[in-house]
Protein backbone atom coordinates (compact mmCIF):
# COMPACT_ATOMS: atom_id res chain seq x y z
CA MET A 1 -165.28 146.78 68.24
CA ALA A 2 -162.12 147.24 70.25
CA LEU A 3 -160.13 144.95 72.51
CA ASN A 4 -158.32 146.16 75.66
CA ARG A 5 -158.84 149.90 75.11
CA ASN A 6 -161.63 150.81 77.54
CA HIS A 7 -160.48 149.68 80.99
CA SER A 8 -158.52 151.35 83.75
CA GLU A 9 -155.89 149.74 85.96
CA GLY A 10 -158.31 149.75 88.91
CA GLY A 11 -160.91 147.67 87.07
CA GLY A 12 -163.11 150.57 85.98
CA VAL A 13 -164.21 151.71 82.57
CA ILE A 14 -162.91 154.57 80.39
CA VAL A 15 -165.53 156.49 78.37
CA ASN A 16 -165.29 159.56 76.15
CA ASN A 17 -166.10 163.02 77.53
CA SER A 18 -169.21 163.17 75.31
CA GLU A 19 -170.85 160.05 76.80
CA ASN A 20 -171.86 158.76 80.19
CA VAL A 21 -172.56 155.35 81.73
CA LEU A 22 -176.31 154.67 81.82
CA MET A 23 -176.27 151.26 83.53
CA THR A 24 -173.76 148.86 85.03
CA TYR A 25 -174.20 145.12 85.53
CA ASP A 26 -171.83 142.95 87.57
CA HIS A 27 -171.37 139.15 87.54
CA ILE A 28 -171.65 138.95 83.74
CA GLU A 29 -170.28 136.11 81.62
CA ILE A 30 -169.41 136.57 77.94
CA THR A 31 -168.57 133.81 75.45
CA PHE A 32 -167.40 134.10 71.85
CA SER A 33 -168.03 131.54 69.11
CA ASP A 34 -167.90 131.24 65.32
CA ILE A 35 -164.50 132.97 65.08
CA GLU A 36 -162.01 131.30 62.74
CA PRO A 37 -159.22 131.19 63.75
CA MET A 38 -160.04 131.85 67.42
CA PRO A 39 -157.47 134.25 69.01
CA ASP A 40 -156.37 133.36 72.55
CA ALA A 41 -158.00 136.50 73.99
CA PHE A 42 -161.45 135.27 72.87
CA LYS A 43 -161.19 131.66 74.10
CA GLY A 44 -163.30 130.45 77.00
CA THR A 45 -165.91 132.17 79.14
CA LYS A 46 -164.96 135.59 80.50
CA LYS A 47 -166.40 136.96 83.76
CA GLY A 48 -166.71 140.62 84.64
CA SER A 49 -168.96 143.69 84.36
CA VAL A 50 -170.89 145.37 81.55
CA PHE A 51 -171.25 149.13 81.16
CA LEU A 52 -174.00 150.52 78.93
CA THR A 53 -173.59 153.97 77.34
CA PRO A 54 -175.85 155.66 74.77
CA TYR A 55 -173.50 154.49 71.98
CA ARG A 56 -171.96 151.18 73.01
CA VAL A 57 -171.64 148.23 75.38
CA ILE A 58 -168.33 147.80 77.21
CA PHE A 59 -167.34 144.55 78.92
CA VAL A 60 -164.54 144.75 81.54
CA SER A 61 -163.18 141.43 82.75
CA LYS A 62 -162.45 140.59 86.35
CA GLY A 63 -158.96 139.38 87.17
CA LYS A 64 -155.97 138.88 84.92
CA ASP A 65 -156.92 137.70 81.46
CA ALA A 66 -155.74 138.33 77.90
CA MET A 67 -159.04 140.19 77.40
CA GLN A 68 -159.25 143.05 79.90
CA SER A 69 -162.03 144.92 78.03
CA PHE A 70 -164.16 144.52 74.92
CA MET A 71 -166.19 147.36 73.37
CA MET A 72 -169.17 146.82 71.04
CA PRO A 73 -170.80 149.88 69.40
CA PHE A 74 -174.53 149.43 68.81
CA TYR A 75 -174.25 149.90 65.04
CA LEU A 76 -172.03 146.79 64.82
CA LEU A 77 -174.45 144.54 66.78
CA LYS A 78 -176.64 142.34 64.57
CA ASP A 79 -179.29 139.63 65.08
CA CYS A 80 -179.65 140.25 68.83
CA GLU A 81 -182.06 138.01 70.72
CA ILE A 82 -183.04 138.05 74.39
CA LYS A 83 -183.38 134.49 75.71
CA GLN A 84 -185.33 133.69 78.86
CA PRO A 85 -185.10 129.95 79.49
CA VAL A 86 -187.36 128.38 82.12
CA PHE A 87 -184.44 126.64 83.85
CA GLY A 88 -181.40 128.88 83.51
CA ALA A 89 -180.18 132.44 83.49
CA ASN A 90 -181.46 135.02 81.01
CA TYR A 91 -179.00 135.97 78.28
CA ILE A 92 -178.55 138.02 75.12
CA LYS A 93 -177.29 136.31 71.98
CA GLY A 94 -176.12 138.17 68.88
CA THR A 95 -173.39 138.92 66.39
CA VAL A 96 -170.73 141.60 66.59
CA LYS A 97 -169.25 142.52 63.22
CA ALA A 98 -165.69 143.81 62.96
CA GLU A 99 -165.47 147.33 61.61
CA ALA A 100 -164.03 147.57 58.10
CA GLY A 101 -160.37 148.58 58.29
CA GLY A 102 -160.31 148.11 62.07
CA ARG A 103 -157.34 146.76 63.98
């Protein structure tokens, strides 16, 4: 996973030359929990867009926030569940593991 490395100044996404964006979703909210201690960049609910590539999911926030982008490679996603409540928005819940030796 990487924080603030995959966004452009204009609010777009930066991807490698070897990959392309398969799908884009706007009006997305992302929330982080179970992080001890919780860094300021991960606090609260973030709003923005999600970009899906063949290798990863990239969240780009809307507006000025400590978290401008958050990248999650598929191999670090665990225990993903798709929730479809009767009264409420659909959502995906899962765990993102930090890569060993990552910064």
